[in-house]
């Protein structure tokens, strides 16, 4: 049996880790501003007589659903990057 020498292979026992940092402070600030905006619109819609004719009838549900999605996505991002949730 014939063996051809092709080179030297060196094996190392190494563990690689990926370090991830995502600055979520802007998202936190934007989320707070969005919550305040939603509350302000809720107050205005409650004072509106023609709620069904304006966007008020569905606005609250739509925005809350999107805000909840943002919160869930942010939570997932914090979990993945090892940041603590507030």
PDB file of N, CA and C in Angstrom:
ATOM      1  N   UNK A   1       0.835  -1.170   0.000  1.00  0.00           N
ATOM      2  CA  UNK A   1       0.000   0.000   0.000  1.00  0.00           C
ATOM      3  C   UNK A   1       0.887   1.242   0.000  1.00  0.00           C
ATOM      4  N   UNK A   2       0.551   2.199  -0.800  1.00  0.00           N
ATOM      5  CA  UNK A   2       1.345   3.403  -0.973  1.00  0.00           C
ATOM      6  C   UNK A   2       0.643   4.593  -0.328  1.00  0.00           C
ATOM      7  N   UNK A   3       1.331   5.360   0.546  1.00  0.00           N
ATOM      8  CA  UNK A   3       0.800   6.562   1.185  1.00  0.00           C
ATOM      9  C   UNK A   3       1.577   7.781   0.707  1.00  0.00           C
ATOM     10  N   UNK A   4       0.861   8.787   0.277  1.00  0.00           N
ATOM     11  CA  UNK A   4       1.514  10.002  -0.201  1.00  0.00           C
ATOM     12  C   UNK A   4       1.477  11.057   0.899  1.00  0.00           C
ATOM     13  N   UNK A   5       2.589  11.673   1.182  1.00  0.00           N
ATOM     14  CA  UNK A   5       2.680  12.714   2.205  1.00  0.00           C
ATOM     15  C   UNK A   5       2.197  14.041   1.601  1.00  0.00           C
ATOM     16  N   UNK A   6       1.083  14.572   2.138  1.00  0.00           N
ATOM     17  CA  UNK A   6       0.499  15.804   1.594  1.00  0.00           C
ATOM     18  C   UNK A   6       0.763  17.008   2.488  1.00  0.00           C
ATOM     19  N   UNK A   7       1.218  16.814   3.704  1.00  0.00           N
ATOM     20  CA  UNK A   7       1.480  17.929   4.605  1.00  0.00           C
ATOM     21  C   UNK A   7       1.194  17.531   6.032  1.00  0.00           C
ATOM     22  N   UNK A   8       1.262  18.515   6.906  1.00  0.00           N
ATOM     23  CA  UNK A   8       1.052  18.277   8.329  1.00  0.00           C
ATOM     24  C   UNK A   8      -0.279  18.901   8.738  1.00  0.00           C
ATOM     25  N   UNK A   9      -1.050  18.154   9.470  1.00  0.00           N
ATOM     26  CA  UNK A   9      -2.306  18.661  10.023  1.00  0.00           C
ATOM     27  C   UNK A   9      -2.134  18.820  11.524  1.00  0.00           C
ATOM     28  N   UNK A  10      -2.489  19.990  12.020  1.00  0.00           N
ATOM     29  CA  UNK A  10      -2.389  20.263  13.450  1.00  0.00           C
ATOM     30  C   UNK A  10      -3.803  20.494  13.977  1.00  0.00           C
ATOM     31  N   UNK A  11      -4.173  19.789  15.003  1.00  0.00           N
ATOM     32  CA  UNK A  11      -5.503  19.904  15.585  1.00  0.00           C
ATOM     33  C   UNK A  11      -5.411  20.662  16.907  1.00  0.00           C
ATOM     34  N   UNK A  12      -6.310  21.567  17.091  1.00  0.00           N
ATOM     35  CA  UNK A  12      -6.372  22.342  18.324  1.00  0.00           C
ATOM     36  C   UNK A  12      -7.745  22.166  18.951  1.00  0.00           C
ATOM     37  N   UNK A  13      -7.778  22.180  20.251  1.00  0.00           N
ATOM     38  CA  UNK A  13      -9.057  22.154  20.962  1.00  0.00           C
ATOM     39  C   UNK A  13      -9.372  23.600  21.353  1.00  0.00           C
ATOM     40  N   UNK A  14     -10.159  24.268  20.533  1.00  0.00           N
ATOM     41  CA  UNK A  14     -10.450  25.683  20.728  1.00  0.00           C
ATOM     42  C   UNK A  14     -11.962  25.884  20.723  1.00  0.00           C
ATOM     43  N   UNK A  15     -12.402  26.754  21.576  1.00  0.00           N
ATOM     44  CA  UNK A  15     -13.825  27.123  21.608  1.00  0.00           C
ATOM     45  C   UNK A  15     -13.936  28.578  21.191  1.00  0.00           C
ATOM     46  N   UNK A  16     -14.729  28.832  20.168  1.00  0.00           N
ATOM     47  CA  UNK A  16     -14.934  30.191  19.682  1.00  0.00           C
ATOM     48  C   UNK A  16     -16.242  30.740  20.250  1.00  0.00           C
ATOM     49  N   UNK A  17     -16.206  31.985  20.642  1.00  0.00           N
ATOM     50  CA  UNK A  17     -17.420  32.647  21.133  1.00  0.00           C
ATOM     51  C   UNK A  17     -17.601  33.949  20.364  1.00  0.00           C
ATOM     52  N   UNK A  18     -18.826  34.229  20.047  1.00  0.00           N
ATOM     53  CA  UNK A  18     -19.147  35.466  19.358  1.00  0.00           C
ATOM     54  C   UNK A  18     -19.621  36.479  20.386  1.00  0.00           C
ATOM     55  N   UNK A  19     -19.023  37.639  20.352  1.00  0.00           N
ATOM     56  CA  UNK A  19     -19.426  38.705  21.267  1.00  0.00           C
ATOM     57  C   UNK A  19     -20.307  39.660  20.484  1.00  0.00           C
ATOM     58  N   UNK A  20     -21.509  39.899  21.020  1.00  0.00           N
ATOM     59  CA  UNK A  20     -22.483  40.743  20.329  1.00  0.00           C
ATOM     60  C   UNK A  20     -22.896  41.872  21.255  1.00  0.00           C
ATOM     61  N   UNK A  21     -22.914  43.074  20.724  1.00  0.00           N
ATOM     62  CA  UNK A  21     -23.416  44.212  21.480  1.00  0.00           C
ATOM     63  C   UNK A  21     -24.379  44.984  20.590  1.00  0.00           C
ATOM     64  N   UNK A  22     -25.550  45.217  21.101  1.00  0.00           N
ATOM     65  CA  UNK A  22     -26.547  46.003  20.388  1.00  0.00           C
ATOM     66  C   UNK A  22     -27.010  47.088  21.339  1.00  0.00           C
ATOM     67  N   UNK A  23     -26.832  48.340  20.958  1.00  0.00           N
ATOM     68  CA  UNK A  23     -27.257  49.458  21.791  1.00  0.00           C
ATOM     69  C   UNK A  23     -28.762  49.650  21.612  1.00  0.00           C
ATOM     70  N   UNK A  24     -29.507  49.283  22.636  1.00  0.00           N
ATOM     71  CA  UNK A  24     -30.969  49.363  22.555  1.00  0.00           C
ATOM     72  C   UNK A  24     -31.526  50.598  23.251  1.00  0.00           C
ATOM     73  N   UNK A  25     -30.671  51.518  23.669  1.00  0.00           N
ATOM     74  CA  UNK A  25     -31.166  52.697  24.393  1.00  0.00           C
ATOM     75  C   UNK A  25     -32.061  53.562  23.510  1.00  0.00           C
ATOM     76  N   UNK A  26     -31.736  53.703  22.223  1.00  0.00           N
ATOM     77  CA  UNK A  26     -32.586  54.485  21.321  1.00  0.00           C
ATOM     78  C   UNK A  26     -33.943  53.814  21.163  1.00  0.00           C
ATOM     79  N   UNK A  27     -33.949  52.491  21.065  1.00  0.00           N
ATOM     80  CA  UNK A  27     -35.215  51.766  20.950  1.00  0.00           C
ATOM     81  C   UNK A  27     -36.045  51.962  22.208  1.00  0.00           C
ATOM     82  N   UNK A  28     -35.391  51.922  23.380  1.00  0.00           N
ATOM     83  CA  UNK A  28     -36.107  52.145  24.636  1.00  0.00           C
ATOM     84  C   UNK A  28     -36.745  53.540  24.659  1.00  0.00           C
ATOM     85  N   UNK A  29     -35.988  54.540  24.213  1.00  0.00           N
ATOM     86  CA  UNK A  29     -36.513  55.911  24.176  1.00  0.00           C
ATOM     87  C   UNK A  29     -37.660  56.039  23.178  1.00  0.00           C
ATOM     88  N   UNK A  30     -37.490  55.441  22.015  1.00  0.00           N
ATOM     89  CA  UNK A  30     -38.540  55.499  20.992  1.00  0.00           C
ATOM     90  C   UNK A  30     -39.799  54.763  21.461  1.00  0.00           C
ATOM     91  N   UNK A  31     -39.608  53.655  22.157  1.00  0.00           N
ATOM     92  CA  UNK A  31     -40.748  52.886  22.659  1.00  0.00           C
ATOM     93  C   UNK A  31     -41.525  53.706  23.691  1.00  0.00           C
ATOM     94  N   UNK A  32     -40.812  54.402  24.567  1.00  0.00           N
ATOM     95  CA  UNK A  32     -41.464  55.256  25.556  1.00  0.00           C
ATOM     96  C   UNK A  32     -42.230  56.380  24.872  1.00  0.00           C
ATOM     97  N   UNK A  33     -41.624  57.000  23.876  1.00  0.00           N
ATOM     98  CA  UNK A  33     -42.301  58.076  23.138  1.00  0.00           C
ATOM     99  C   UNK A  33     -43.546  57.547  22.440  1.00  0.00           C
ATOM    100  N   UNK A  34     -43.467  56.351  21.871  1.00  0.00           N
ATOM    101  CA  UNK A  34     -44.618  55.756  21.196  1.00  0.00           C
ATOM    102  C   UNK A  34     -45.744  55.467  22.186  1.00  0.00           C
ATOM    103  N   UNK A  35     -45.388  54.952  23.368  1.00  0.00           N
ATOM    104  CA  UNK A  35     -46.412  54.717  24.397  1.00  0.00           C
ATOM    105  C   UNK A  35     -47.111  56.017  24.784  1.00  0.00           C
ATOM    106  N   UNK A  36     -46.347  57.102  24.943  1.00  0.00           N
ATOM    107  CA  UNK A  36     -46.931  58.402  25.298  1.00  0.00           C
ATOM    108  C   UNK A  36     -47.830  58.915  24.176  1.00  0.00           C
ATOM    109  N   UNK A  37     -47.393  58.718  22.933  1.00  0.00           N
ATOM    110  CA  UNK A  37     -48.178  59.129  21.776  1.00  0.00           C
ATOM    111  C   UNK A  37     -49.505  58.366  21.723  1.00  0.00           C
ATOM    112  N   UNK A  38     -49.449  57.056  21.945  1.00  0.00           N
ATOM    113  CA  UNK A  38     -50.658  56.231  21.938  1.00  0.00           C
ATOM    114  C   UNK A  38     -51.623  56.704  23.022  1.00  0.00           C
ATOM    115  N   UNK A  39     -51.089  56.985  24.204  1.00  0.00           N
ATOM    116  CA  UNK A  39     -51.942  57.469  25.297  1.00  0.00           C
ATOM    117  C   UNK A  39     -52.591  58.805  24.927  1.00  0.00           C
ATOM    118  N   UNK A  40     -51.811  59.701  24.336  1.00  0.00           N
ATOM    119  CA  UNK A  40     -52.340  61.009  23.922  1.00  0.00           C
ATOM    120  C   UNK A  40     -53.456  60.850  22.885  1.00  0.00           C
ATOM    121  N   UNK A  41     -53.236  59.988  21.902  1.00  0.00           N
ATOM    122  CA  UNK A  41     -54.261  59.750  20.872  1.00  0.00           C
ATOM    123  C   UNK A  41     -55.503  59.112  21.493  1.00  0.00           C
ATOM    124  N   UNK A  42     -55.312  58.190  22.449  1.00  0.00           N
ATOM    125  CA  UNK A  42     -56.455  57.584  23.147  1.00  0.00           C
ATOM    126  C   UNK A  42     -57.317  58.651  23.802  1.00  0.00           C
ATOM    127  N   UNK A  43     -56.675  59.601  24.471  1.00  0.00           N
ATOM    128  CA  UNK A  43     -57.410  60.680  25.135  1.00  0.00           C
ATOM    129  C   UNK A  43     -58.167  61.509  24.107  1.00  0.00           C
ATOM    130  N   UNK A  44     -57.514  61.852  23.005  1.00  0.00           N
ATOM    131  CA  UNK A  44     -58.183  62.627  21.957  1.00  0.00           C
ATOM    132  C   UNK A  44     -59.355  61.857  21.350  1.00  0.00           C
ATOM    133  N   UNK A  45     -59.174  60.570  21.139  1.00  0.00           N
ATOM    134  CA  UNK A  45     -60.237  59.762  20.548  1.00  0.00           C
ATOM    135  C   UNK A  45     -61.434  59.644  21.503  1.00  0.00           C
ATOM    136  N   UNK A  46     -61.171  59.580  22.795  1.00  0.00           N
ATOM    137  CA  UNK A  46     -62.274  59.503  23.759  1.00  0.00           C
ATOM    138  C   UNK A  46     -63.102  60.780  23.732  1.00  0.00           C
ATOM    139  N   UNK A  47     -62.458  61.905  23.424  1.00  0.00           N
ATOM    140  CA  UNK A  47     -63.173  63.192  23.376  1.00  0.00           C
ATOM    141  C   UNK A  47     -63.878  63.399  22.040  1.00  0.00           C
ATOM    142  N   UNK A  48     -63.521  62.611  21.036  1.00  0.00           N
ATOM    143  CA  UNK A  48     -64.093  62.770  19.705  1.00  0.00           C
ATOM    144  C   UNK A  48     -65.510  62.199  19.655  1.00  0.00           C
ATOM    145  N   UNK A  49     -66.416  62.947  19.077  1.00  0.00           N
ATOM    146  CA  UNK A  49     -67.806  62.496  18.950  1.00  0.00           C
ATOM    147  C   UNK A  49     -67.936  61.485  17.816  1.00  0.00           C
ATOM    148  N   UNK A  50     -67.221  61.705  16.745  1.00  0.00           N
ATOM    149  CA  UNK A  50     -67.341  60.846  15.557  1.00  0.00           C
ATOM    150  C   UNK A  50     -66.183  59.851  15.509  1.00  0.00           C
ATOM    151  N   UNK A  51     -66.037  59.041  16.540  1.00  0.00           N
ATOM    152  CA  UNK A  51     -64.913  58.094  16.595  1.00  0.00           C
ATOM    153  C   UNK A  51     -64.935  57.108  15.438  1.00  0.00           C
ATOM    154  N   UNK A  52     -66.104  56.639  15.055  1.00  0.00           N
ATOM    155  CA  UNK A  52     -66.178  55.634  13.985  1.00  0.00           C
ATOM    156  C   UNK A  52     -65.872  56.232  12.615  1.00  0.00           C
ATOM    157  N   UNK A  53     -66.057  57.529  12.462  1.00  0.00           N
ATOM    158  CA  UNK A  53     -65.787  58.157  11.173  1.00  0.00           C
ATOM    159  C   UNK A  53     -64.324  58.538  11.029  1.00  0.00           C
ATOM    160  N   UNK A  54     -63.645  58.631  12.122  1.00  0.00           N
ATOM    161  CA  UNK A  54     -62.217  58.951  12.080  1.00  0.00           C
ATOM    162  C   UNK A  54     -61.437  57.646  12.163  1.00  0.00           C
ATOM    163  N   UNK A  55     -60.157  57.730  12.285  1.00  0.00           N
ATOM    164  CA  UNK A  55     -59.330  56.538  12.431  1.00  0.00           C
ATOM    165  C   UNK A  55     -59.318  56.011  13.848  1.00  0.00           C
ATOM    166  N   UNK A  56     -60.029  56.665  14.755  1.00  0.00           N
ATOM    167  CA  UNK A  56     -59.973  56.298  16.164  1.00  0.00           C
ATOM    168  C   UNK A  56     -60.510  54.897  16.454  1.00  0.00           C
ATOM    169  N   UNK A  57     -61.483  54.461  15.702  1.00  0.00           N
ATOM    170  CA  UNK A  57     -62.114  53.174  15.998  1.00  0.00           C
ATOM    171  C   UNK A  57     -61.105  52.021  15.946  1.00  0.00           C
ATOM    172  N   UNK A  58     -60.160  52.079  15.027  1.00  0.00           N
ATOM    173  CA  UNK A  58     -59.217  50.975  14.850  1.00  0.00           C
ATOM    174  C   UNK A  58     -57.779  51.348  15.194  1.00  0.00           C
ATOM    175  N   UNK A  59     -57.546  52.633  15.385  1.00  0.00           N
ATOM    176  CA  UNK A  59     -56.182  53.093  15.626  1.00  0.00           C
ATOM    177  C   UNK A  59     -55.567  52.448  16.865  1.00  0.00           C
ATOM    178  N   UNK A  60     -56.299  52.467  17.959  1.00  0.00           N
ATOM    179  CA  UNK A  60     -55.768  51.936  19.214  1.00  0.00           C
ATOM    180  C   UNK A  60     -55.361  50.484  19.110  1.00  0.00           C
ATOM    181  N   UNK A  61     -56.219  49.659  18.528  1.00  0.00           N
ATOM    182  CA  UNK A  61     -55.907  48.237  18.382  1.00  0.00           C
ATOM    183  C   UNK A  61     -54.685  48.013  17.498  1.00  0.00           C
ATOM    184  N   UNK A  62     -54.637  48.719  16.379  1.00  0.00           N
ATOM    185  CA  UNK A  62     -53.516  48.556  15.447  1.00  0.00           C
ATOM    186  C   UNK A  62     -52.196  48.965  16.081  1.00  0.00           C
ATOM    187  N   UNK A  63     -52.192  50.127  16.732  1.00  0.00           N
ATOM    188  CA  UNK A  63     -50.947  50.624  17.307  1.00  0.00           C
ATOM    189  C   UNK A  63     -50.513  49.764  18.485  1.00  0.00           C
ATOM    190  N   UNK A  64     -51.448  49.339  19.313  1.00  0.00           N
ATOM    191  CA  UNK A  64     -51.090  48.483  20.444  1.00  0.00           C
ATOM    192  C   UNK A  64     -50.507  47.149  19.972  1.00  0.00           C
ATOM    193  N   UNK A  65     -51.076  46.600  18.910  1.00  0.00           N
ATOM    194  CA  UNK A  65     -50.563  45.345  18.362  1.00  0.00           C
ATOM    195  C   UNK A  65     -49.131  45.544  17.853  1.00  0.00           C
ATOM    196  N   UNK A  66     -48.888  46.649  17.171  1.00  0.00           N
ATOM    197  CA  UNK A  66     -47.533  46.923  16.669  1.00  0.00           C
ATOM    198  C   UNK A  66     -46.565  47.232  17.806  1.00  0.00           C
ATOM    199  N   UNK A  67     -47.041  47.923  18.823  1.00  0.00           N
ATOM    200  CA  UNK A  67     -46.200  48.211  19.979  1.00  0.00           C
ATOM    201  C   UNK A  67     -45.859  46.922  20.721  1.00  0.00           C
ATOM    202  N   UNK A  68     -46.827  46.033  20.879  1.00  0.00           N
ATOM    203  CA  UNK A  68     -46.568  44.735  21.513  1.00  0.00           C
ATOM    204  C   UNK A  68     -45.547  43.928  20.710  1.00  0.00           C
ATOM    205  N   UNK A  69     -45.656  43.988  19.391  1.00  0.00           N
ATOM    206  CA  UNK A  69     -44.695  43.278  18.533  1.00  0.00           C
ATOM    207  C   UNK A  69     -43.293  43.858  18.722  1.00  0.00           C
ATOM    208  N   UNK A  70     -43.204  45.178  18.821  1.00  0.00           N
ATOM    209  CA  UNK A  70     -41.924  45.830  19.061  1.00  0.00           C
ATOM    210  C   UNK A  70     -41.331  45.394  20.399  1.00  0.00           C
ATOM    211  N   UNK A  71     -42.159  45.325  21.429  1.00  0.00           N
ATOM    212  CA  UNK A  71     -41.704  44.915  22.752  1.00  0.00           C
ATOM    213  C   UNK A  71     -41.210  43.468  22.726  1.00  0.00           C
ATOM    214  N   UNK A  72     -41.952  42.587  22.046  1.00  0.00           N
ATOM    215  CA  UNK A  72     -41.532  41.181  21.940  1.00  0.00           C
ATOM    216  C   UNK A  72     -40.217  41.052  21.176  1.00  0.00           C
ATOM    217  N   UNK A  73     -40.086  41.784  20.084  1.00  0.00           N
ATOM    218  CA  UNK A  73     -38.865  41.747  19.286  1.00  0.00           C
ATOM    219  C   UNK A  73     -37.683  42.274  20.092  1.00  0.00           C
ATOM    220  N   UNK A  74     -37.912  43.347  20.822  1.00  0.00           N
ATOM    221  CA  UNK A  74     -36.852  43.895  21.660  1.00  0.00           C
ATOM    222  C   UNK A  74     -36.455  42.891  22.746  1.00  0.00           C
ATOM    223  N   UNK A  75     -37.440  42.236  23.343  1.00  0.00           N
ATOM    224  CA  UNK A  75     -37.151  41.226  24.359  1.00  0.00           C
ATOM    225  C   UNK A  75     -36.333  40.080  23.796  1.00  0.00           C
ATOM    226  N   UNK A  76     -36.672  39.647  22.598  1.00  0.00           N
ATOM    227  CA  UNK A  76     -35.924  38.581  21.940  1.00  0.00           C
ATOM    228  C   UNK A  76     -34.485  39.015  21.654  1.00  0.00           C
ATOM    229  N   UNK A  77     -34.331  40.237  21.171  1.00  0.00           N
ATOM    230  CA  UNK A  77     -33.000  40.773  20.909  1.00  0.00           C
ATOM    231  C   UNK A  77     -32.170  40.829  22.182  1.00  0.00           C
ATOM    232  N   UNK A  78     -32.783  41.265  23.280  1.00  0.00           N
ATOM    233  CA  UNK A  78     -32.077  41.328  24.566  1.00  0.00           C
ATOM    234  C   UNK A  78     -31.710  39.933  25.054  1.00  0.00           C
ATOM    235  N   UNK A  79     -32.599  38.990  24.834  1.00  0.00           N
ATOM    236  CA  UNK A  79     -32.314  37.615  25.247  1.00  0.00           C
ATOM    237  C   UNK A  79     -31.146  37.034  24.452  1.00  0.00           C
ATOM    238  N   UNK A  80     -31.154  37.249  23.151  1.00  0.00           N
ATOM    239  CA  UNK A  80     -30.110  36.725  22.282  1.00  0.00           C
ATOM    240  C   UNK A  80     -28.750  37.349  22.626  1.00  0.00           C
ATOM    241  N   UNK A  81     -28.732  38.656  22.910  1.00  0.00           N
ATOM    242  CA  UNK A  81     -27.477  39.351  23.165  1.00  0.00           C
ATOM    243  C   UNK A  81     -27.071  39.313  24.640  1.00  0.00           C
ATOM    244  N   UNK A  82     -27.907  38.715  25.481  1.00  0.00           N
ATOM    245  CA  UNK A  82     -27.556  38.579  26.907  1.00  0.00           C
ATOM    246  C   UNK A  82     -27.746  39.844  27.699  1.00  0.00           C
ATOM    247  N   UNK A  83     -28.515  40.792  27.171  1.00  0.00           N
ATOM    248  CA  UNK A  83     -28.800  42.017  27.906  1.00  0.00           C
ATOM    249  C   UNK A  83     -30.000  41.761  28.804  1.00  0.00           C
ATOM    250  N   UNK A  84     -30.005  42.427  29.910  1.00  0.00           N
ATOM    251  CA  UNK A  84     -31.126  42.224  30.826  1.00  0.00           C
ATOM    252  C   UNK A  84     -32.322  43.044  30.389  1.00  0.00           C
ATOM    253  N   UNK A  85     -33.496  42.483  30.577  1.00  0.00           N
ATOM    254  CA  UNK A  85     -34.735  43.192  30.252  1.00  0.00           C
ATOM    255  C   UNK A  85     -35.089  44.098  31.406  1.00  0.00           C
ATOM    256  N   UNK A  86     -35.694  45.230  31.071  1.00  0.00           N
ATOM    257  CA  UNK A  86     -36.091  46.191  32.098  1.00  0.00           C
ATOM    258  C   UNK A  86     -37.573  46.152  32.306  1.00  0.00           C
TER     259      UNK A  86
END
